[in-house]
Amino acid sequence: MSTQDKLLPAVIPFPADISEEIKNGKQEEKLDVNIQTVAVPEEILSDPDMWMPQLLKKIEKAFAPNLGYDNQNKLALSLPLIREIRGDYKSKRMMISIIAVDVSPVIREEAIYE
């Protein structure tokens, strides 16, 4: 038996389709939550036009594989959470985070757009 006979084709696992189990009440559907963060200098903190587009682009890319790039109607976003980076006394950079939640299951369940 040659080594080529021993090699198996690579199988890419797909997520299990549990939609029927969810509809039958056997399993609960969970919301997809993602947190994106950028570090900005303290000087530009008061100018959100400088850092907000970068943060929103990171959120859009994080949800693009599941929702596509037209996902603004399917996401719920928190307000920016701003905190100082501990121990960063020289550059005084701030961490800005946004929590994004894919709410498309809620939209489907409540038939908001239909």
Protein backbone atom coordinates (compact mmCIF):
# COMPACT_ATOMS: atom_id res chain seq x y z
CA MET A 1 0.00 0.00 0.00
CA SER A 2 1.50 3.33 -1.01
CA THR A 3 1.40 6.51 1.01
CA GLN A 4 -1.03 8.03 -1.48
CA ASP A 5 -3.55 5.28 -0.70
CA LYS A 6 -3.34 6.10 3.01
CA LEU A 7 -4.08 9.80 2.56
CA LEU A 8 -7.70 10.72 3.00
CA PRO A 9 -9.27 13.75 1.36
CA ALA A 10 -9.49 16.78 3.62
CA VAL A 11 -12.97 17.29 4.95
CA ILE A 12 -14.08 20.76 5.95
CA PRO A 13 -16.62 20.48 8.76
CA PHE A 14 -19.77 22.53 8.41
CA PRO A 15 -21.83 23.66 11.37
CA ALA A 16 -24.57 21.24 12.23
CA ASP A 17 -28.00 22.26 11.06
CA ILE A 18 -29.91 22.55 14.32
CA SER A 19 -32.73 24.73 13.05
CA GLU A 20 -35.29 21.90 13.30
CA GLU A 21 -34.22 21.17 16.87
CA ILE A 22 -34.61 24.85 17.73
CA LYS A 23 -38.08 24.97 16.16
CA ASN A 24 -39.12 21.87 18.09
CA GLY A 25 -37.92 23.41 21.35
CA LYS A 26 -35.18 20.82 21.89
CA GLN A 27 -32.39 23.37 21.72
CA GLU A 28 -32.14 27.10 22.27
CA GLU A 29 -30.62 29.38 19.66
CA LYS A 30 -27.77 31.54 20.92
CA LEU A 31 -26.95 35.04 19.77
CA ASP A 32 -23.57 35.67 18.14
CA VAL A 33 -21.68 38.27 20.20
CA ASN A 34 -18.43 39.91 19.12
CA ILE A 35 -16.27 42.53 20.84
CA GLN A 36 -13.95 44.70 18.76
CA THR A 37 -11.37 47.05 20.24
CA VAL A 38 -9.02 49.75 18.97
CA ALA A 39 -6.30 51.64 20.83
CA VAL A 40 -6.21 55.37 20.20
CA PRO A 41 -4.06 58.20 21.55
CA GLU A 42 -5.74 60.30 24.19
CA GLU A 43 -5.43 63.38 21.95
CA ILE A 44 -7.88 62.07 19.33
CA LEU A 45 -10.33 60.57 21.81
CA SER A 46 -12.59 63.62 21.58
CA ASP A 47 -12.74 63.30 17.75
CA PRO A 48 -14.73 60.10 17.01
CA ASP A 49 -14.45 60.74 13.25
CA MET A 50 -10.83 59.62 13.57
CA TRP A 51 -11.37 56.22 15.25
CA MET A 52 -15.03 55.25 14.81
CA PRO A 53 -14.82 54.23 11.08
CA GLN A 54 -11.92 51.88 11.87
CA LEU A 55 -13.86 50.27 14.70
CA LEU A 56 -17.04 49.88 12.66
CA LYS A 57 -15.07 48.36 9.77
CA LYS A 58 -13.64 45.75 12.16
CA ILE A 59 -17.17 44.87 13.32
CA GLU A 60 -18.42 44.64 9.73
CA LYS A 61 -15.58 42.26 8.80
CA ALA A 62 -16.20 40.10 11.86
CA PHE A 63 -19.83 39.47 10.90
CA ALA A 64 -19.37 39.42 7.10
CA PRO A 65 -18.84 35.63 6.79
CA ASN A 66 -22.23 34.90 8.41
CA LEU A 67 -24.32 37.94 7.48
CA GLY A 68 -22.64 39.40 4.40
CA TYR A 69 -21.41 42.96 4.16
CA ASP A 70 -24.96 44.34 4.21
CA ASN A 71 -25.37 43.57 7.90
CA GLN A 72 -26.21 46.94 9.46
CA ASN A 73 -29.90 46.00 9.89
CA LYS A 74 -29.00 42.74 11.65
CA LEU A 75 -26.63 44.01 14.33
CA ALA A 76 -27.15 45.69 17.69
CA LEU A 77 -24.20 47.75 18.94
CA SER A 78 -23.32 49.06 22.36
CA LEU A 79 -22.07 52.56 22.92
CA PRO A 80 -18.27 52.81 22.78
CA LEU A 81 -16.71 51.57 26.02
CA ILE A 82 -13.62 53.68 26.77
CA ARG A 83 -10.94 52.69 29.25
CA GLU A 84 -7.32 53.57 29.88
CA ILE A 85 -4.64 51.00 29.11
CA ARG A 86 -3.10 50.15 32.47
CA GLY A 87 0.62 50.74 32.68
CA ASP A 88 0.73 52.81 29.48
CA TYR A 89 1.94 56.05 31.07
CA LYS A 90 4.15 57.23 28.21
CA SER A 91 1.75 57.23 25.25
CA LYS A 92 -1.52 57.59 27.20
CA ARG A 93 -3.46 55.38 24.78
CA MET A 94 -7.09 54.54 25.41
CA MET A 95 -8.88 51.28 24.57
CA ILE A 96 -12.23 51.75 22.85
CA SER A 97 -14.46 48.70 22.55
CA ILE A 98 -17.86 48.08 21.01
CA ILE A 99 -19.96 45.01 21.70
CA ALA A 100 -21.88 43.84 18.63
CA VAL A 101 -24.67 41.26 18.65
CA ASP A 102 -26.18 39.49 15.65
CA VAL A 103 -29.90 39.96 16.28
CA SER A 104 -31.14 38.29 13.08
CA PRO A 105 -32.66 35.38 15.11
CA VAL A 106 -34.69 37.91 17.09
CA ILE A 107 -35.75 39.69 13.89
CA ARG A 108 -36.89 36.37 12.37
CA GLU A 109 -38.72 35.27 15.53
CA GLU A 110 -40.55 38.57 15.95
CA ALA A 111 -41.10 39.03 12.19
CA ILE A 112 -39.89 42.62 12.44
CA TYR A 113 -39.06 43.16 8.74
CA GLU A 114 -41.59 40.79 7.24
